[in-house]
């Protein structure tokens, strides 16, 4: 999700939702993961997080107390360079069992496409091996390249695969797509949910990802309007239809 923009960008909007529209955000997530009775316990960002300073959680550091999981993660994914950075981490508790929610947020076309992997040598070989196992599990032909365009989407999916299949840690990937954003450099931003869905479909086609696969029920999409007018007079009108 990159650095925080001043009134624009996925990181800004997610933090603003957490601070000013938490019931709307939580309600949208609860609806897709199991209903309004599912309480979200946020690790990051908190509802008091600053919109100018926020440290994204990296890799599986939110599970650092789980020694066996961390040991397996080091064997699965390279520990050099920067690992996956999460825009949000939360958990729910179902029948005393904790289930983790990993959040990735997007607000414009370029950041969704993402650049290829820059890993080299042993690190790249580890990633290719991990991706190969995941492709086989999901029914994706080995010839589809997962370290090129949409690599970020693929490596988030790799984390979901590792947690649920390898480490047996119940987890879900929640993809938040903000629409209607406006950037100072006029970069293209999806105007609505329909435009986002076209981009998502292009991503899945590029990766060879089937419409339905073994992790489909662990991946969720949330579409929310960008809070372009959040701190201005028009904010109430633009968000009225989403009020809980």
Protein backbone atom coordinates (compact mmCIF):
# COMPACT_ATOMS: atom_id res chain seq x y z
CA UNK A 1 0.00 0.00 0.00
CA UNK A 2 3.01 2.40 0.06
CA UNK A 3 3.29 5.69 1.92
CA UNK A 4 0.32 7.61 3.25
CA UNK A 5 -1.10 10.24 0.92
CA UNK A 6 -2.51 13.53 2.15
CA UNK A 7 -6.21 12.91 1.58
CA UNK A 8 -5.84 10.15 -1.01
CA UNK A 9 -4.57 6.61 -1.40
CA UNK A 10 -5.55 3.25 0.06
CA UNK A 11 -3.52 3.66 3.23
CA UNK A 12 -5.09 7.04 3.99
CA UNK A 13 -8.61 5.76 3.38
CA UNK A 14 -8.16 2.62 5.46
CA UNK A 15 -6.84 4.61 8.39
CA UNK A 16 -9.66 7.12 8.05
CA UNK A 17 -12.23 4.35 8.04
CA UNK A 18 -10.66 2.88 11.18
CA UNK A 19 -10.69 6.26 12.91
CA UNK A 20 -13.95 7.79 11.72
CA UNK A 21 -16.09 5.09 10.08
CA UNK A 22 -15.13 1.92 11.96
CA UNK A 23 -18.72 0.54 12.13
CA UNK A 24 -19.00 0.78 8.33
CA UNK A 25 -15.67 -0.97 7.71
CA UNK A 26 -16.26 -3.64 10.35
CA UNK A 27 -19.81 -4.20 9.15
CA UNK A 28 -18.67 -4.73 5.55
CA UNK A 29 -16.03 -7.25 6.66
CA UNK A 30 -18.36 -9.04 9.07
CA UNK A 31 -20.94 -9.45 6.32
CA UNK A 32 -18.58 -11.42 4.09
CA UNK A 33 -16.83 -13.54 6.73
CA UNK A 34 -19.75 -14.75 8.79
CA UNK A 35 -22.34 -12.20 9.83
CA UNK A 36 -22.72 -9.25 12.20
CA UNK A 37 -22.09 -11.36 15.31
CA UNK A 38 -18.46 -11.87 14.29
CA UNK A 39 -16.42 -9.39 16.32
CA UNK A 40 -13.24 -7.99 14.77
CA UNK A 41 -10.25 -7.49 17.05
CA UNK A 42 -7.83 -5.18 15.28
CA UNK A 43 -4.08 -5.50 15.84
CA UNK A 44 -3.26 -2.88 13.20
CA UNK A 45 -4.26 -0.23 12.38
CA UNK A 46 -5.97 0.82 15.59
CA UNK A 47 -8.92 3.21 15.42
CA UNK A 48 -6.61 5.85 16.89
CA UNK A 49 -3.77 5.31 14.42
CA UNK A 50 -2.23 8.43 12.93
CA UNK A 51 -2.89 9.11 9.27
CA UNK A 52 0.63 10.46 8.91
CA UNK A 53 2.60 7.75 10.73
CA UNK A 54 1.83 4.05 10.75
CA UNK A 55 4.07 0.99 10.79
CA UNK A 56 2.76 -1.78 8.57
CA UNK A 57 3.23 -5.30 9.92
CA UNK A 58 5.63 -7.34 7.83
CA UNK A 59 5.63 -11.04 7.02
CA UNK A 60 4.22 -13.09 9.89
CA UNK A 61 5.54 -10.93 12.71
CA UNK A 62 2.06 -10.91 14.24
CA UNK A 63 2.69 -14.63 14.96
CA UNK A 64 6.22 -14.23 16.31
CA UNK A 65 5.27 -15.95 19.59
CA UNK A 66 4.33 -19.09 17.63
CA UNK A 67 7.78 -20.65 17.35
CA UNK A 68 6.79 -23.68 15.27
CA UNK A 69 4.91 -21.53 12.77
CA UNK A 70 7.81 -19.10 12.44
CA UNK A 71 10.27 -21.97 11.96
CA UNK A 72 8.14 -23.40 9.15
CA UNK A 73 7.77 -19.92 7.59
CA UNK A 74 11.55 -19.52 7.41
CA UNK A 75 11.73 -22.78 5.48
CA UNK A 76 8.89 -21.73 3.16
CA UNK A 77 9.70 -18.08 2.37
CA UNK A 78 13.01 -16.12 2.18
CA UNK A 79 13.75 -13.93 5.19
CA UNK A 80 16.07 -11.53 3.39
CA UNK A 81 14.80 -8.29 1.88
CA UNK A 82 11.32 -6.97 2.59
CA UNK A 83 8.56 -9.49 3.17
CA UNK A 84 4.84 -9.04 2.62
CA UNK A 85 3.60 -5.87 4.31
CA UNK A 86 0.01 -5.91 5.54
CA UNK A 87 -2.31 -2.95 5.45
CA UNK A 88 -4.24 -4.42 8.35
CA UNK A 89 -4.26 -7.38 10.73
CA UNK A 90 -7.18 -8.48 12.86
CA UNK A 91 -8.60 -11.66 14.30
CA UNK A 92 -11.93 -13.18 15.23
CA UNK A 93 -12.70 -15.92 17.72
CA UNK A 94 -15.06 -18.72 16.75
CA UNK A 95 -15.82 -21.38 19.36
CA UNK A 96 -12.59 -20.42 21.21
CA UNK A 97 -10.56 -20.82 17.97
CA UNK A 98 -8.73 -17.74 16.73
CA UNK A 99 -8.95 -16.93 13.04
CA UNK A 100 -6.64 -14.33 11.52
CA UNK A 101 -7.67 -11.70 8.97
CA UNK A 102 -4.98 -10.33 6.66
CA UNK A 103 -5.90 -7.09 4.90
CA UNK A 104 -4.62 -5.72 1.59
CA UNK A 105 -6.04 -2.42 0.32
CA UNK A 106 -5.91 -0.78 -3.13
CA UNK A 107 -7.19 2.50 -4.57
CA UNK A 108 -5.70 2.86 -8.08
CA UNK A 109 -4.79 0.86 -11.18
CA UNK A 110 -0.95 0.96 -11.03
CA UNK A 111 -0.65 -0.22 -7.43
CA UNK A 112 -2.98 -3.12 -8.15
CA UNK A 113 -0.84 -4.36 -11.05
CA UNK A 114 2.37 -4.21 -8.94
CA UNK A 115 5.91 -4.71 -10.31
CA UNK A 116 7.66 -8.10 -10.69
CA UNK A 117 9.62 -9.75 -7.89
CA UNK A 118 13.12 -8.37 -7.41
CA UNK A 119 14.36 -11.40 -5.49
CA UNK A 120 17.52 -13.09 -6.77
CA UNK A 121 19.60 -16.21 -6.12
CA UNK A 122 18.48 -18.43 -3.22
CA UNK A 123 15.63 -16.12 -2.28
CA UNK A 124 14.13 -16.33 -5.75
CA UNK A 125 14.50 -20.09 -5.82
CA UNK A 126 12.64 -20.35 -2.50
CA UNK A 127 9.82 -18.20 -3.84
CA UNK A 128 9.58 -20.20 -7.06
CA UNK A 129 9.42 -23.43 -5.04
CA UNK A 130 6.70 -22.02 -2.75
CA UNK A 131 4.71 -20.72 -5.71
CA UNK A 132 5.04 -24.08 -7.47
CA UNK A 133 3.54 -25.91 -4.49
CA UNK A 134 0.71 -23.41 -4.30
CA UNK A 135 -0.05 -23.61 -8.02
CA UNK A 136 -0.30 -27.37 -7.78
CA UNK A 137 -2.64 -27.07 -4.78
CA UNK A 138 -4.87 -24.54 -6.52
CA UNK A 139 -4.94 -26.28 -9.88
CA UNK A 140 -2.92 -23.64 -11.74
CA UNK A 141 -0.73 -24.79 -14.63
CA UNK A 142 2.98 -24.46 -13.83
CA UNK A 143 3.65 -22.31 -16.94
CA UNK A 144 1.69 -19.33 -15.63
CA UNK A 145 4.29 -16.81 -14.32
CA UNK A 146 3.61 -15.67 -10.78
CA UNK A 147 6.72 -13.56 -10.21
CA UNK A 148 5.85 -10.98 -12.87
CA UNK A 149 2.84 -8.68 -13.13
CA UNK A 150 0.49 -9.13 -10.14
CA UNK A 151 3.35 -10.62 -8.11
CA UNK A 152 2.11 -8.80 -5.00
CA UNK A 153 -1.31 -10.43 -5.34
CA UNK A 154 0.40 -13.80 -5.74
CA UNK A 155 2.65 -13.42 -2.70
CA UNK A 156 -0.31 -12.41 -0.51
CA UNK A 157 -2.01 -15.56 -1.71
CA UNK A 158 1.16 -17.48 -0.82
CA UNK A 159 0.88 -16.25 2.78
CA UNK A 160 -2.74 -17.42 2.90
CA UNK A 161 -1.72 -20.81 1.51
CA UNK A 162 1.10 -21.20 4.02
CA UNK A 163 -1.03 -20.30 7.03
CA UNK A 164 -4.03 -22.50 6.18
CA UNK A 165 -2.39 -25.45 4.43
CA UNK A 166 1.21 -25.68 5.69
CA UNK A 167 0.95 -24.26 9.22
CA UNK A 168 -2.75 -25.05 9.76
CA UNK A 169 -3.41 -21.60 11.21
CA UNK A 170 -7.00 -20.54 10.30
CA UNK A 171 -6.70 -17.34 8.29
CA UNK A 172 -8.52 -15.25 5.70
CA UNK A 173 -7.32 -12.72 3.14
CA UNK A 174 -9.53 -9.62 2.95
CA UNK A 175 -8.95 -7.48 -0.14
CA UNK A 176 -10.31 -3.95 0.22
CA UNK A 177 -10.86 -1.99 -2.98
CA UNK A 178 -11.55 1.74 -2.63
CA UNK A 179 -13.27 3.36 -5.59
CA UNK A 180 -13.66 6.98 -6.64
CA UNK A 181 -10.28 8.13 -5.31
CA UNK A 182 -8.46 11.18 -6.73
CA UNK A 183 -4.66 11.47 -6.85
CA UNK A 184 -2.66 14.69 -7.38
CA UNK A 185 -0.90 13.12 -10.38
CA UNK A 186 -4.22 12.03 -11.94
CA UNK A 187 -3.32 8.35 -11.94
CA UNK A 188 -6.30 6.19 -12.99
CA UNK A 189 -8.57 5.05 -10.17
CA UNK A 190 -11.55 2.71 -10.54
CA UNK A 191 -14.78 4.68 -10.43
CA UNK A 192 -16.93 1.88 -9.03
CA UNK A 193 -17.08 -1.77 -8.02
CA UNK A 194 -17.73 -2.89 -11.61
CA UNK A 195 -14.46 -1.35 -12.81
CA UNK A 196 -12.55 -3.01 -9.98
CA UNK A 197 -14.06 -6.36 -10.87
CA UNK A 198 -12.79 -6.01 -14.43
CA UNK A 199 -9.26 -5.48 -13.11
CA UNK A 200 -9.56 -8.40 -10.69
CA UNK A 201 -10.70 -10.65 -13.52
CA UNK A 202 -7.69 -9.57 -15.59
CA UNK A 203 -5.44 -10.44 -12.64
CA UNK A 204 -6.93 -13.91 -12.28
CA UNK A 205 -6.62 -14.56 -16.02
CA UNK A 206 -2.97 -13.46 -15.99
CA UNK A 207 -2.17 -15.76 -13.08
CA UNK A 208 -4.25 -18.62 -14.46
CA UNK A 209 -6.23 -18.68 -11.22
CA UNK A 210 -9.49 -20.66 -11.51
CA UNK A 211 -12.74 -18.92 -10.67
CA UNK A 212 -13.20 -21.42 -7.84
CA UNK A 213 -10.27 -23.07 -6.06
CA UNK A 214 -9.35 -24.58 -2.68
CA UNK A 215 -8.74 -21.19 -1.05
CA UNK A 216 -11.75 -19.38 -2.56
CA UNK A 217 -13.66 -19.49 0.71
CA UNK A 218 -10.66 -17.92 2.46
CA UNK A 219 -10.46 -14.90 0.14
CA UNK A 220 -12.89 -12.00 0.41
CA UNK A 221 -13.40 -8.74 -1.49
CA UNK A 222 -14.77 -5.54 0.06
CA UNK A 223 -15.63 -2.50 -2.09
CA UNK A 224 -15.86 0.88 -0.34
CA UNK A 225 -15.99 4.50 -1.53
CA UNK A 226 -12.79 6.47 -1.03
CA UNK A 227 -13.17 9.06 1.70
CA UNK A 228 -12.21 11.90 -0.61
CA UNK A 229 -14.57 14.22 1.23
CA UNK A 230 -14.12 12.63 4.64
CA UNK A 231 -13.00 15.79 6.41
CA UNK A 232 -15.20 18.13 4.39
CA UNK A 233 -18.87 19.09 4.46
CA UNK A 234 -19.89 16.54 1.79
CA UNK A 235 -18.70 13.50 3.75
CA UNK A 236 -22.07 12.78 5.34
CA UNK A 237 -23.89 12.76 2.01
CA UNK A 238 -21.33 10.56 0.26
CA UNK A 239 -21.41 7.92 2.98
CA UNK A 240 -25.06 8.11 4.00
CA UNK A 241 -26.05 4.96 2.14
CA UNK A 242 -23.41 2.97 4.02
CA UNK A 243 -24.38 4.08 7.52
CA UNK A 244 -24.98 1.07 9.78
